[in-house]
């Protein structure tokens, strides 16, 4: 972490904000490798003004509050794409400026959140599944989310500190879509999650790898990239794709409407779509990529990892996370507060 902070500070202070030969990028923390940015600056001569956010809500609010767009490239998660497109906050992509677009895996170019693929470029992705330390549960048959409701896991489970992720499993175990707007179904999911509470030990999203490595938690739900990082130091850790399905999250690059350095935005996007650059990103961060051509430049242990590179058959069992209406979001927020209070 200290290395990353130093590298970003170096980048920040090297940039002249008044220079027109820049691109302003607003992205998730730790999802764009400093090496990728430095290499882009070296190869193109374009300086990068890079800033980060820690939630889609923060990104959305900042963009809505600005009378004039200050960013050229931003990185919302999948379920904010349709909302931002509907509100004319982002533009349709000019594919003629993206000669490397063909490197993308076709499975991610027409997702539910952007069916025509007109607005977004998938950058990093992840899958939410079951994590288990086999040293403690060597023979447990863990195949579905519903298995986590077993009384034997009392006071043991790690759940992500993320309301939509937790409600996803509450819905999936009832046979509903994780993109559910039906308020009755959301109430049923809440009751389902209340029944899980005796098994919950803690909620955490920010330090999952260290919790797993140190064996502070030994079973629960987690993102696949975090499990992979932990498994490098603790080989007892296993990631399971639940048979009652799971969620695929994708963080995407988009171009805001009236971006001040539009041409440089497209140069940045086309640059990071290169197979070698996408592979560099994966090797630095361990986040899976939607860039299919990058596999040729990844070391075998990453390219062939069942955690980071699931088969098309496995991917077909996942749901892309999409936007919910305001009533559903309000209900989830209300139920989430009640869950955390119990």
C-alpha atoms as a PDB file:
ATOM      1  CA  UNK A   1       0.000   0.000   0.000  1.00  0.00           C
ATOM      2  CA  UNK A   2       2.812   2.447   0.900  1.00  0.00           C
ATOM      3  CA  UNK A   3       4.440   1.755  -2.468  1.00  0.00           C
ATOM      4  CA  UNK A   4       1.213   2.597  -4.293  1.00  0.00           C
ATOM      5  CA  UNK A   5       0.678   5.803  -2.295  1.00  0.00           C
ATOM      6  CA  UNK A   6       4.211   6.972  -3.080  1.00  0.00           C
ATOM      7  CA  UNK A   7       3.826   6.210  -6.777  1.00  0.00           C
ATOM      8  CA  UNK A   8       0.513   8.068  -6.994  1.00  0.00           C
ATOM      9  CA  UNK A   9       1.938  11.067  -5.161  1.00  0.00           C
ATOM     10  CA  UNK A  10       4.830  11.101  -7.602  1.00  0.00           C
ATOM     11  CA  UNK A  11       2.398  11.062 -10.491  1.00  0.00           C
ATOM     12  CA  UNK A  12       0.257  13.804  -8.955  1.00  0.00           C
ATOM     13  CA  UNK A  13       3.081  16.246  -8.357  1.00  0.00           C
ATOM     14  CA  UNK A  14       4.537  15.649 -11.806  1.00  0.00           C
ATOM     15  CA  UNK A  15       1.374  16.834 -13.520  1.00  0.00           C
ATOM     16  CA  UNK A  16       0.724  20.423 -14.588  1.00  0.00           C
ATOM     17  CA  UNK A  17      -3.001  20.905 -14.204  1.00  0.00           C
ATOM     18  CA  UNK A  18      -3.202  23.802 -16.639  1.00  0.00           C
ATOM     19  CA  UNK A  19      -1.629  21.789 -19.455  1.00  0.00           C
ATOM     20  CA  UNK A  20      -4.034  20.878 -22.266  1.00  0.00           C
ATOM     21  CA  UNK A  21      -1.968  17.805 -23.117  1.00  0.00           C
ATOM     22  CA  UNK A  22      -3.546  15.878 -20.262  1.00  0.00           C
ATOM     23  CA  UNK A  23      -6.262  13.341 -19.551  1.00  0.00           C
ATOM     24  CA  UNK A  24      -8.248  13.521 -16.320  1.00  0.00           C
ATOM     25  CA  UNK A  25      -9.049  10.052 -14.978  1.00  0.00           C
ATOM     26  CA  UNK A  26     -11.351   9.349 -12.011  1.00  0.00           C
ATOM     27  CA  UNK A  27     -11.233   5.698 -10.965  1.00  0.00           C
ATOM     28  CA  UNK A  28     -11.612   3.203  -8.153  1.00  0.00           C
ATOM     29  CA  UNK A  29      -8.741   3.109  -5.708  1.00  0.00           C
ATOM     30  CA  UNK A  30      -6.220   0.334  -6.514  1.00  0.00           C
ATOM     31  CA  UNK A  31      -7.925  -0.667  -9.784  1.00  0.00           C
ATOM     32  CA  UNK A  32      -5.520   1.120 -12.124  1.00  0.00           C
ATOM     33  CA  UNK A  33      -1.877   0.194 -11.722  1.00  0.00           C
ATOM     34  CA  UNK A  34       0.522   3.165 -11.414  1.00  0.00           C
ATOM     35  CA  UNK A  35       2.808   1.295 -13.817  1.00  0.00           C
ATOM     36  CA  UNK A  36       0.090   1.387 -16.480  1.00  0.00           C
ATOM     37  CA  UNK A  37      -0.328   5.136 -16.031  1.00  0.00           C
ATOM     38  CA  UNK A  38       3.411   5.799 -16.049  1.00  0.00           C
ATOM     39  CA  UNK A  39       3.849   3.714 -19.194  1.00  0.00           C
ATOM     40  CA  UNK A  40       1.002   5.596 -20.908  1.00  0.00           C
ATOM     41  CA  UNK A  41       2.634   8.932 -20.065  1.00  0.00           C
ATOM     42  CA  UNK A  42       5.992   7.714 -21.334  1.00  0.00           C
ATOM     43  CA  UNK A  43       4.625   6.297 -24.600  1.00  0.00           C
ATOM     44  CA  UNK A  44       2.216   9.115 -25.487  1.00  0.00           C
ATOM     45  CA  UNK A  45       3.571  12.242 -23.800  1.00  0.00           C
ATOM     46  CA  UNK A  46       0.094  12.838 -22.356  1.00  0.00           C
ATOM     47  CA  UNK A  47       0.061  13.606 -18.649  1.00  0.00           C
ATOM     48  CA  UNK A  48      -2.505  11.891 -16.438  1.00  0.00           C
ATOM     49  CA  UNK A  49      -4.359  13.731 -13.690  1.00  0.00           C
ATOM     50  CA  UNK A  50      -5.442  10.744 -11.627  1.00  0.00           C
ATOM     51  CA  UNK A  51      -7.889  10.848  -8.724  1.00  0.00           C
ATOM     52  CA  UNK A  52      -9.809   8.117  -6.953  1.00  0.00           C
ATOM     53  CA  UNK A  53     -13.143   7.456  -5.259  1.00  0.00           C
ATOM     54  CA  UNK A  54     -14.266   4.722  -2.882  1.00  0.00           C
ATOM     55  CA  UNK A  55     -17.916   4.287  -3.856  1.00  0.00           C
ATOM     56  CA  UNK A  56     -20.156   4.624  -6.883  1.00  0.00           C
ATOM     57  CA  UNK A  57     -22.328   6.962  -4.856  1.00  0.00           C
ATOM     58  CA  UNK A  58     -19.380   9.339  -4.382  1.00  0.00           C
ATOM     59  CA  UNK A  59     -18.562   9.269  -8.110  1.00  0.00           C
ATOM     60  CA  UNK A  60     -22.188   9.828  -9.093  1.00  0.00           C
ATOM     61  CA  UNK A  61     -22.753  12.650  -6.620  1.00  0.00           C
ATOM     62  CA  UNK A  62     -19.595  14.484  -7.663  1.00  0.00           C
ATOM     63  CA  UNK A  63     -20.471  14.280 -11.345  1.00  0.00           C
ATOM     64  CA  UNK A  64     -24.062  15.379 -10.720  1.00  0.00           C
ATOM     65  CA  UNK A  65     -22.896  18.344  -8.638  1.00  0.00           C
ATOM     66  CA  UNK A  66     -20.497  19.636 -11.299  1.00  0.00           C
ATOM     67  CA  UNK A  67     -21.996  22.123 -13.746  1.00  0.00           C
ATOM     68  CA  UNK A  68     -19.162  21.427 -16.165  1.00  0.00           C
ATOM     69  CA  UNK A  69     -17.504  18.046 -16.607  1.00  0.00           C
ATOM     70  CA  UNK A  70     -13.925  18.053 -15.335  1.00  0.00           C
ATOM     71  CA  UNK A  71     -13.122  14.404 -16.070  1.00  0.00           C
ATOM     72  CA  UNK A  72     -12.278  12.713 -19.371  1.00  0.00           C
ATOM     73  CA  UNK A  73     -12.481   9.091 -18.229  1.00  0.00           C
ATOM     74  CA  UNK A  74     -14.370   7.738 -15.219  1.00  0.00           C
ATOM     75  CA  UNK A  75     -14.793   4.190 -13.923  1.00  0.00           C
ATOM     76  CA  UNK A  76     -18.280   3.411 -12.586  1.00  0.00           C
ATOM     77  CA  UNK A  77     -19.408  -0.086 -11.734  1.00  0.00           C
ATOM     78  CA  UNK A  78     -21.736  -1.924 -14.064  1.00  0.00           C
ATOM     79  CA  UNK A  79     -25.001  -1.112 -12.349  1.00  0.00           C
ATOM     80  CA  UNK A  80     -24.376   2.648 -12.610  1.00  0.00           C
ATOM     81  CA  UNK A  81     -23.802   2.577 -16.377  1.00  0.00           C
ATOM     82  CA  UNK A  82     -27.467   2.448 -17.386  1.00  0.00           C
ATOM     83  CA  UNK A  83     -28.379   5.161 -14.862  1.00  0.00           C
ATOM     84  CA  UNK A  84     -25.643   7.497 -16.092  1.00  0.00           C
ATOM     85  CA  UNK A  85     -26.530   6.844 -19.729  1.00  0.00           C
ATOM     86  CA  UNK A  86     -30.217   7.477 -19.041  1.00  0.00           C
ATOM     87  CA  UNK A  87     -29.357  10.796 -17.411  1.00  0.00           C
ATOM     88  CA  UNK A  88     -27.069  11.835 -20.295  1.00  0.00           C
ATOM     89  CA  UNK A  89     -24.006  11.878 -18.046  1.00  0.00           C
ATOM     90  CA  UNK A  90     -21.905   9.721 -20.377  1.00  0.00           C
ATOM     91  CA  UNK A  91     -21.570   9.588 -24.160  1.00  0.00           C
ATOM     92  CA  UNK A  92     -21.866   6.780 -26.659  1.00  0.00           C
ATOM     93  CA  UNK A  93     -18.397   5.545 -27.529  1.00  0.00           C
ATOM     94  CA  UNK A  94     -16.868   6.281 -30.908  1.00  0.00           C
ATOM     95  CA  UNK A  95     -15.593   2.800 -31.820  1.00  0.00           C
ATOM     96  CA  UNK A  96     -13.648   4.211 -34.778  1.00  0.00           C
ATOM     97  CA  UNK A  97     -11.191   5.599 -32.213  1.00  0.00           C
ATOM     98  CA  UNK A  98     -10.799   2.247 -30.437  1.00  0.00           C
ATOM     99  CA  UNK A  99      -8.790   0.007 -32.749  1.00  0.00           C
ATOM    100  CA  UNK A 100      -8.012  -2.369 -29.851  1.00  0.00           C
ATOM    101  CA  UNK A 101     -11.656  -2.910 -28.871  1.00  0.00           C
ATOM    102  CA  UNK A 102     -11.565  -6.347 -30.513  1.00  0.00           C
ATOM    103  CA  UNK A 103      -9.264  -7.606 -27.747  1.00  0.00           C
ATOM    104  CA  UNK A 104     -12.241  -7.763 -25.370  1.00  0.00           C
ATOM    105  CA  UNK A 105     -13.949 -11.019 -24.465  1.00  0.00           C
ATOM    106  CA  UNK A 106     -17.303 -11.030 -26.357  1.00  0.00           C
ATOM    107  CA  UNK A 107     -18.985 -12.277 -23.166  1.00  0.00           C
ATOM    108  CA  UNK A 108     -18.469  -8.783 -21.712  1.00  0.00           C
ATOM    109  CA  UNK A 109     -19.221  -6.537 -24.690  1.00  0.00           C
ATOM    110  CA  UNK A 110     -23.054  -6.746 -24.587  1.00  0.00           C
ATOM    111  CA  UNK A 111     -23.861  -7.201 -20.896  1.00  0.00           C
ATOM    112  CA  UNK A 112     -27.241  -6.644 -19.271  1.00  0.00           C
ATOM    113  CA  UNK A 113     -26.215  -3.247 -17.915  1.00  0.00           C
ATOM    114  CA  UNK A 114     -25.157  -2.009 -21.395  1.00  0.00           C
ATOM    115  CA  UNK A 115     -26.894  -4.339 -23.880  1.00  0.00           C
ATOM    116  CA  UNK A 116     -25.647  -2.577 -27.002  1.00  0.00           C
ATOM    117  CA  UNK A 117     -22.139  -2.075 -25.638  1.00  0.00           C
ATOM    118  CA  UNK A 118     -22.328   1.558 -26.694  1.00  0.00           C
ATOM    119  CA  UNK A 119     -21.344   3.269 -23.468  1.00  0.00           C
ATOM    120  CA  UNK A 120     -18.768   1.256 -21.558  1.00  0.00           C
ATOM    121  CA  UNK A 121     -15.463  -0.562 -21.772  1.00  0.00           C
ATOM    122  CA  UNK A 122     -15.049  -3.315 -19.157  1.00  0.00           C
ATOM    123  CA  UNK A 123     -11.778  -2.807 -17.285  1.00  0.00           C
ATOM    124  CA  UNK A 124     -11.651  -5.050 -14.232  1.00  0.00           C
ATOM    125  CA  UNK A 125     -14.155  -7.601 -13.076  1.00  0.00           C
ATOM    126  CA  UNK A 126     -14.809  -9.954 -10.261  1.00  0.00           C
ATOM    127  CA  UNK A 127     -17.073 -12.708  -9.073  1.00  0.00           C
ATOM    128  CA  UNK A 128     -18.566 -13.161  -5.625  1.00  0.00           C
ATOM    129  CA  UNK A 129     -18.391 -16.688  -4.286  1.00  0.00           C
ATOM    130  CA  UNK A 130     -17.804 -18.868  -1.260  1.00  0.00           C
ATOM    131  CA  UNK A 131     -14.408 -18.921   0.427  1.00  0.00           C
ATOM    132  CA  UNK A 132     -13.343 -21.737   2.746  1.00  0.00           C
ATOM    133  CA  UNK A 133     -10.171 -22.684   4.571  1.00  0.00           C
ATOM    134  CA  UNK A 134      -9.921 -26.440   4.071  1.00  0.00           C
ATOM    135  CA  UNK A 135      -7.691 -26.859   7.107  1.00  0.00           C
ATOM    136  CA  UNK A 136     -10.770 -26.231   9.232  1.00  0.00           C
ATOM    137  CA  UNK A 137     -13.419 -27.764   6.951  1.00  0.00           C
ATOM    138  CA  UNK A 138     -11.590 -30.509   5.032  1.00  0.00           C
ATOM    139  CA  UNK A 139     -14.632 -32.599   4.139  1.00  0.00           C
ATOM    140  CA  UNK A 140     -17.502 -30.100   4.082  1.00  0.00           C
ATOM    141  CA  UNK A 141     -19.516 -30.255   0.889  1.00  0.00           C
ATOM    142  CA  UNK A 142     -19.853 -26.586   0.076  1.00  0.00           C
ATOM    143  CA  UNK A 143     -21.577 -26.168  -3.282  1.00  0.00           C
ATOM    144  CA  UNK A 144     -24.308 -23.584  -2.772  1.00  0.00           C
ATOM    145  CA  UNK A 145     -24.953 -20.365  -0.887  1.00  0.00           C
ATOM    146  CA  UNK A 146     -27.655 -22.218   1.017  1.00  0.00           C
ATOM    147  CA  UNK A 147     -24.936 -24.366   2.635  1.00  0.00           C
ATOM    148  CA  UNK A 148     -23.835 -21.319   4.648  1.00  0.00           C
ATOM    149  CA  UNK A 149     -27.142 -21.409   6.575  1.00  0.00           C
ATOM    150  CA  UNK A 150     -26.060 -24.678   8.259  1.00  0.00           C
ATOM    151  CA  UNK A 151     -26.010 -24.428  12.098  1.00  0.00           C
ATOM    152  CA  UNK A 152     -22.473 -25.857  12.118  1.00  0.00           C
ATOM    153  CA  UNK A 153     -21.163 -22.479  10.890  1.00  0.00           C
ATOM    154  CA  UNK A 154     -22.535 -20.536  13.861  1.00  0.00           C
ATOM    155  CA  UNK A 155     -20.519 -17.365  14.547  1.00  0.00           C
ATOM    156  CA  UNK A 156     -18.097 -18.220  11.733  1.00  0.00           C
ATOM    157  CA  UNK A 157     -19.086 -16.442   8.527  1.00  0.00           C
ATOM    158  CA  UNK A 158     -17.419 -13.515   6.835  1.00  0.00           C
ATOM    159  CA  UNK A 159     -19.924 -11.425   4.866  1.00  0.00           C
ATOM    160  CA  UNK A 160     -18.923  -8.533   2.653  1.00  0.00           C
ATOM    161  CA  UNK A 161     -19.724  -5.144   4.143  1.00  0.00           C
ATOM    162  CA  UNK A 162     -21.818  -4.318   1.101  1.00  0.00           C
ATOM    163  CA  UNK A 163     -25.632  -4.245   1.169  1.00  0.00           C
ATOM    164  CA  UNK A 164     -26.180  -5.285  -2.433  1.00  0.00           C
ATOM    165  CA  UNK A 165     -23.718  -8.153  -2.202  1.00  0.00           C
ATOM    166  CA  UNK A 166     -25.338  -9.509   0.945  1.00  0.00           C
ATOM    167  CA  UNK A 167     -28.850  -9.106  -0.450  1.00  0.00           C
ATOM    168  CA  UNK A 168     -27.670 -10.887  -3.596  1.00  0.00           C
ATOM    169  CA  UNK A 169     -27.184 -14.108  -1.658  1.00  0.00           C
ATOM    170  CA  UNK A 170     -30.409 -13.561   0.245  1.00  0.00           C
ATOM    171  CA  UNK A 171     -32.236 -13.394  -3.093  1.00  0.00           C
ATOM    172  CA  UNK A 172     -30.318 -16.134  -4.911  1.00  0.00           C
ATOM    173  CA  UNK A 173     -30.997 -18.694  -2.186  1.00  0.00           C
ATOM    174  CA  UNK A 174     -34.719 -18.040  -2.686  1.00  0.00           C
ATOM    175  CA  UNK A 175     -34.453 -18.513  -6.439  1.00  0.00           C
ATOM    176  CA  UNK A 176     -34.773 -14.814  -7.258  1.00  0.00           C
ATOM    177  CA  UNK A 177     -32.580 -12.614  -9.425  1.00  0.00           C
ATOM    178  CA  UNK A 178     -30.021 -10.442  -7.594  1.00  0.00           C
ATOM    179  CA  UNK A 179     -31.342  -7.551  -9.712  1.00  0.00           C
ATOM    180  CA  UNK A 180     -34.716  -7.699  -7.992  1.00  0.00           C
ATOM    181  CA  UNK A 181     -37.033  -4.681  -7.833  1.00  0.00           C
ATOM    182  CA  UNK A 182     -39.995  -6.562  -6.349  1.00  0.00           C
ATOM    183  CA  UNK A 183     -40.431  -5.209  -2.810  1.00  0.00           C
ATOM    184  CA  UNK A 184     -42.111  -8.376  -1.571  1.00  0.00           C
ATOM    185  CA  UNK A 185     -39.168 -10.459  -2.766  1.00  0.00           C
ATOM    186  CA  UNK A 186     -36.748  -8.063  -1.076  1.00  0.00           C
ATOM    187  CA  UNK A 187     -38.667  -8.434   2.180  1.00  0.00           C
ATOM    188  CA  UNK A 188     -38.412 -12.217   1.861  1.00  0.00           C
ATOM    189  CA  UNK A 189     -34.665 -11.876   1.238  1.00  0.00           C
ATOM    190  CA  UNK A 190     -34.383  -9.789   4.408  1.00  0.00           C
ATOM    191  CA  UNK A 191     -36.134 -12.465   6.463  1.00  0.00           C
ATOM    192  CA  UNK A 192     -33.854 -15.046   4.868  1.00  0.00           C
ATOM    193  CA  UNK A 193     -30.813 -13.027   5.926  1.00  0.00           C
ATOM    194  CA  UNK A 194     -32.161 -12.608   9.447  1.00  0.00           C
ATOM    195  CA  UNK A 195     -32.114 -16.417   9.661  1.00  0.00           C
ATOM    196  CA  UNK A 196     -28.433 -16.321   8.671  1.00  0.00           C
ATOM    197  CA  UNK A 197     -27.424 -13.827  11.380  1.00  0.00           C
ATOM    198  CA  UNK A 198     -26.477 -16.433  14.047  1.00  0.00           C
ATOM    199  CA  UNK A 199     -23.775 -17.671  11.662  1.00  0.00           C
ATOM    200  CA  UNK A 200     -22.338 -14.219  10.881  1.00  0.00           C
ATOM    201  CA  UNK A 201     -19.092 -13.366  12.612  1.00  0.00           C
ATOM    202  CA  UNK A 202     -18.208 -10.092  10.886  1.00  0.00           C
ATOM    203  CA  UNK A 203     -18.818  -7.847   7.890  1.00  0.00           C
ATOM    204  CA  UNK A 204     -15.716  -6.701   6.024  1.00  0.00           C
ATOM    205  CA  UNK A 205     -14.799  -5.723   2.478  1.00  0.00           C
ATOM    206  CA  UNK A 206     -11.561  -3.779   2.848  1.00  0.00           C
ATOM    207  CA  UNK A 207      -9.148  -6.277   4.453  1.00  0.00           C
ATOM    208  CA  UNK A 208     -10.414  -9.667   3.304  1.00  0.00           C
ATOM    209  CA  UNK A 209      -7.031 -11.073   2.109  1.00  0.00           C
ATOM    210  CA  UNK A 210      -5.332 -10.413   5.438  1.00  0.00           C
ATOM    211  CA  UNK A 211      -8.284 -11.834   7.384  1.00  0.00           C
ATOM    212  CA  UNK A 212      -8.056 -15.036   5.351  1.00  0.00           C
ATOM    213  CA  UNK A 213      -4.267 -15.306   5.469  1.00  0.00           C
ATOM    214  CA  UNK A 214      -4.181 -14.819   9.247  1.00  0.00           C
ATOM    215  CA  UNK A 215      -7.128 -17.222   9.604  1.00  0.00           C
ATOM    216  CA  UNK A 216      -9.170 -14.696  11.554  1.00  0.00           C
ATOM    217  CA  UNK A 217     -12.033 -15.977   9.397  1.00  0.00           C
ATOM    218  CA  UNK A 218     -12.161 -19.370   7.714  1.00  0.00           C
ATOM    219  CA  UNK A 219     -15.419 -19.423   5.783  1.00  0.00           C
ATOM    220  CA  UNK A 220     -17.843 -17.000   4.170  1.00  0.00           C
ATOM    221  CA  UNK A 221     -18.298 -14.906   1.047  1.00  0.00           C
ATOM    222  CA  UNK A 222     -15.608 -12.995  -0.810  1.00  0.00           C
ATOM    223  CA  UNK A 223     -14.522 -11.573  -4.147  1.00  0.00           C
ATOM    224  CA  UNK A 224     -12.388 -13.910  -6.223  1.00  0.00           C
ATOM    225  CA  UNK A 225      -9.408 -11.536  -6.556  1.00  0.00           C
ATOM    226  CA  UNK A 226      -9.147 -11.226  -2.770  1.00  0.00           C
ATOM    227  CA  UNK A 227      -9.287 -15.002  -2.393  1.00  0.00           C
ATOM    228  CA  UNK A 228      -6.564 -15.442  -5.016  1.00  0.00           C
ATOM    229  CA  UNK A 229      -4.273 -12.982  -3.204  1.00  0.00           C
ATOM    230  CA  UNK A 230      -4.836 -14.828   0.076  1.00  0.00           C
ATOM    231  CA  UNK A 231      -4.308 -18.252  -1.496  1.00  0.00           C
ATOM    232  CA  UNK A 232      -0.797 -17.232  -2.608  1.00  0.00           C
ATOM    233  CA  UNK A 233       0.199 -17.186   1.071  1.00  0.00           C
ATOM    234  CA  UNK A 234      -2.226 -19.715   2.487  1.00  0.00           C
ATOM    235  CA  UNK A 235      -2.730 -22.733   0.194  1.00  0.00           C
ATOM    236  CA  UNK A 236      -5.576 -24.055   2.344  1.00  0.00           C
ATOM    237  CA  UNK A 237      -7.862 -21.340   1.016  1.00  0.00           C
ATOM    238  CA  UNK A 238     -10.346 -22.385  -1.667  1.00  0.00           C
ATOM    239  CA  UNK A 239     -12.792 -20.388  -3.795  1.00  0.00           C
ATOM    240  CA  UNK A 240     -16.113 -21.957  -4.806  1.00  0.00           C
ATOM    241  CA  UNK A 241     -18.524 -20.786  -7.501  1.00  0.00           C
ATOM    242  CA  UNK A 242     -21.953 -21.506  -5.977  1.00  0.00           C
ATOM    243  CA  UNK A 243     -24.259 -23.740  -7.982  1.00  0.00           C
ATOM    244  CA  UNK A 244     -27.214 -21.573  -6.997  1.00  0.00           C
ATOM    245  CA  UNK A 245     -25.503 -18.883  -9.091  1.00  0.00           C
ATOM    246  CA  UNK A 246     -23.479 -15.793  -8.263  1.00  0.00           C
ATOM    247  CA  UNK A 247     -22.922 -12.168  -9.238  1.00  0.00           C
ATOM    248  CA  UNK A 248     -20.375 -10.864 -11.720  1.00  0.00           C
ATOM    249  CA  UNK A 249     -19.359  -7.284 -11.050  1.00  0.00           C
ATOM    250  CA  UNK A 250     -17.584  -5.200 -13.681  1.00  0.00           C
ATOM    251  CA  UNK A 251     -15.965  -1.801 -13.274  1.00  0.00           C
ATOM    252  CA  UNK A 252     -15.948   0.003 -16.605  1.00  0.00           C
ATOM    253  CA  UNK A 253     -14.370   2.994 -18.270  1.00  0.00           C
ATOM    254  CA  UNK A 254     -16.759   5.535 -19.753  1.00  0.00           C
ATOM    255  CA  UNK A 255     -16.399   8.995 -21.282  1.00  0.00           C
ATOM    256  CA  UNK A 256     -18.436  11.760 -19.599  1.00  0.00           C
ATOM    257  CA  UNK A 257     -20.585  13.959 -21.784  1.00  0.00           C
ATOM    258  CA  UNK A 258     -18.606  17.036 -22.881  1.00  0.00           C
ATOM    259  CA  UNK A 259     -15.293  15.677 -21.584  1.00  0.00           C
ATOM    260  CA  UNK A 260     -12.731  18.531 -21.748  1.00  0.00           C
ATOM    261  CA  UNK A 261      -9.982  16.416 -23.372  1.00  0.00           C
ATOM    262  CA  UNK A 262     -12.069  14.019 -25.402  1.00  0.00           C
ATOM    263  CA  UNK A 263      -9.409  12.978 -27.902  1.00  0.00           C
ATOM    264  CA  UNK A 264      -6.965  12.202 -25.105  1.00  0.00           C
ATOM    265  CA  UNK A 265      -9.686  10.172 -23.397  1.00  0.00           C
ATOM    266  CA  UNK A 266      -9.889   7.934 -26.442  1.00  0.00           C
ATOM    267  CA  UNK A 267      -6.119   7.663 -26.650  1.00  0.00           C
ATOM    268  CA  UNK A 268      -6.080   6.513 -23.029  1.00  0.00           C
ATOM    269  CA  UNK A 269      -8.879   3.997 -23.567  1.00  0.00           C
ATOM    270  CA  UNK A 270      -7.355   2.546 -26.712  1.00  0.00           C
ATOM    271  CA  UNK A 271      -3.993   2.318 -24.962  1.00  0.00           C
ATOM    272  CA  UNK A 272      -5.272   0.308 -21.995  1.00  0.00           C
ATOM    273  CA  UNK A 273      -7.151  -1.984 -24.402  1.00  0.00           C
ATOM    274  CA  UNK A 274      -3.798  -3.284 -25.661  1.00  0.00           C
ATOM    275  CA  UNK A 275      -3.275  -6.903 -24.668  1.00  0.00           C
ATOM    276  CA  UNK A 276       0.138  -6.293 -23.075  1.00  0.00           C
ATOM    277  CA  UNK A 277      -1.113  -3.330 -21.065  1.00  0.00           C
ATOM    278  CA  UNK A 278      -4.161  -5.210 -19.799  1.00  0.00           C
ATOM    279  CA  UNK A 279      -1.858  -8.093 -18.808  1.00  0.00           C
ATOM    280  CA  UNK A 280       0.412  -5.659 -16.954  1.00  0.00           C
ATOM    281  CA  UNK A 281      -2.637  -4.469 -15.020  1.00  0.00           C
ATOM    282  CA  UNK A 282      -3.574  -8.020 -13.986  1.00  0.00           C
ATOM    283  CA  UNK A 283      -0.051  -8.894 -12.891  1.00  0.00           C
ATOM    284  CA  UNK A 284       0.080  -5.774 -10.714  1.00  0.00           C
ATOM    285  CA  UNK A 285      -3.368  -5.930  -9.110  1.00  0.00           C
ATOM    286  CA  UNK A 286      -4.607  -9.543  -9.605  1.00  0.00           C
ATOM    287  CA  UNK A 287      -7.997  -8.219 -10.679  1.00  0.00           C
ATOM    288  CA  UNK A 288      -9.338 -10.341 -13.570  1.00  0.00           C
ATOM    289  CA  UNK A 289      -9.609  -8.676 -16.949  1.00  0.00           C
ATOM    290  CA  UNK A 290     -12.229  -8.741 -19.694  1.00  0.00           C
ATOM    291  CA  UNK A 291      -9.388  -8.431 -22.216  1.00  0.00           C
ATOM    292  CA  UNK A 292      -9.257 -11.884 -23.799  1.00  0.00           C
ATOM    293  CA  UNK A 293      -6.102 -11.161 -25.794  1.00  0.00           C
ATOM    294  CA  UNK A 294      -4.230 -10.379 -22.560  1.00  0.00           C
ATOM    295  CA  UNK A 295      -4.219 -14.065 -21.586  1.00  0.00           C
ATOM    296  CA  UNK A 296      -1.321 -14.680 -23.978  1.00  0.00           C
ATOM    297  CA  UNK A 297       0.846 -12.324 -21.905  1.00  0.00           C
ATOM    298  CA  UNK A 298      -0.058 -13.639 -18.468  1.00  0.00           C
ATOM    299  CA  UNK A 299       2.023 -16.157 -16.519  1.00  0.00           C
ATOM    300  CA  UNK A 300       0.427 -19.646 -16.554  1.00  0.00           C
ATOM    301  CA  UNK A 301      -0.408 -19.560 -12.847  1.00  0.00           C
ATOM    302  CA  UNK A 302      -2.658 -16.536 -13.480  1.00  0.00           C
ATOM    303  CA  UNK A 303      -3.933 -17.388 -16.964  1.00  0.00           C
ATOM    304  CA  UNK A 304      -4.928 -20.903 -15.870  1.00  0.00           C
ATOM    305  CA  UNK A 305      -6.184 -20.004 -12.403  1.00  0.00           C
ATOM    306  CA  UNK A 306      -9.692 -21.304 -11.826  1.00  0.00           C
ATOM    307  CA  UNK A 307     -10.144 -18.457  -9.361  1.00  0.00           C
ATOM    308  CA  UNK A 308      -9.173 -15.610 -11.678  1.00  0.00           C
ATOM    309  CA  UNK A 309     -10.002 -17.157 -15.063  1.00  0.00           C
ATOM    310  CA  UNK A 310     -13.215 -19.182 -14.793  1.00  0.00           C
ATOM    311  CA  UNK A 311     -14.361 -21.162 -17.809  1.00  0.00           C
ATOM    312  CA  UNK A 312     -17.150 -19.915 -20.112  1.00  0.00           C
ATOM    313  CA  UNK A 313     -19.380 -22.589 -18.587  1.00  0.00           C
ATOM    314  CA  UNK A 314     -18.825 -21.140 -15.108  1.00  0.00           C
ATOM    315  CA  UNK A 315     -19.314 -17.569 -16.324  1.00  0.00           C
ATOM    316  CA  UNK A 316     -22.625 -18.512 -17.905  1.00  0.00           C
ATOM    317  CA  UNK A 317     -23.993 -19.184 -14.407  1.00  0.00           C
ATOM    318  CA  UNK A 318     -23.359 -15.624 -13.262  1.00  0.00           C
ATOM    319  CA  UNK A 319     -25.582 -12.555 -13.189  1.00  0.00           C
ATOM    320  CA  UNK A 320     -24.289  -9.154 -14.241  1.00  0.00           C
ATOM    321  CA  UNK A 321     -25.269  -6.636 -11.578  1.00  0.00           C
ATOM    322  CA  UNK A 322     -27.673  -4.011 -12.971  1.00  0.00           C
ATOM    323  CA  UNK A 323     -29.315  -0.862 -11.668  1.00  0.00           C
ATOM    324  CA  UNK A 324     -32.346  -1.008  -9.353  1.00  0.00           C
ATOM    325  CA  UNK A 325     -35.180   1.457  -9.056  1.00  0.00           C
ATOM    326  CA  UNK A 326     -35.250   3.953  -6.175  1.00  0.00           C
ATOM    327  CA  UNK A 327     -37.886   2.031  -4.205  1.00  0.00           C
ATOM    328  CA  UNK A 328     -35.798  -1.142  -4.269  1.00  0.00           C
ATOM    329  CA  UNK A 329     -32.627   0.718  -3.291  1.00  0.00           C
ATOM    330  CA  UNK A 330     -34.439   2.423  -0.404  1.00  0.00           C
ATOM    331  CA  UNK A 331     -35.776  -0.936   0.788  1.00  0.00           C
ATOM    332  CA  UNK A 332     -32.345  -2.565   0.689  1.00  0.00           C
ATOM    333  CA  UNK A 333     -30.827   0.391   2.567  1.00  0.00           C
ATOM    334  CA  UNK A 334     -33.509   0.201   5.253  1.00  0.00           C
ATOM    335  CA  UNK A 335     -33.233  -3.568   5.667  1.00  0.00           C
ATOM    336  CA  UNK A 336     -29.429  -3.325   5.719  1.00  0.00           C
ATOM    337  CA  UNK A 337     -29.528  -0.975   8.685  1.00  0.00           C
ATOM    338  CA  UNK A 338     -31.847  -3.354  10.494  1.00  0.00           C
ATOM    339  CA  UNK A 339     -29.537  -6.303   9.804  1.00  0.00           C
ATOM    340  CA  UNK A 340     -26.501  -4.455  11.110  1.00  0.00           C
ATOM    341  CA  UNK A 341     -28.335  -3.491  14.294  1.00  0.00           C
ATOM    342  CA  UNK A 342     -29.185  -7.087  15.229  1.00  0.00           C
END
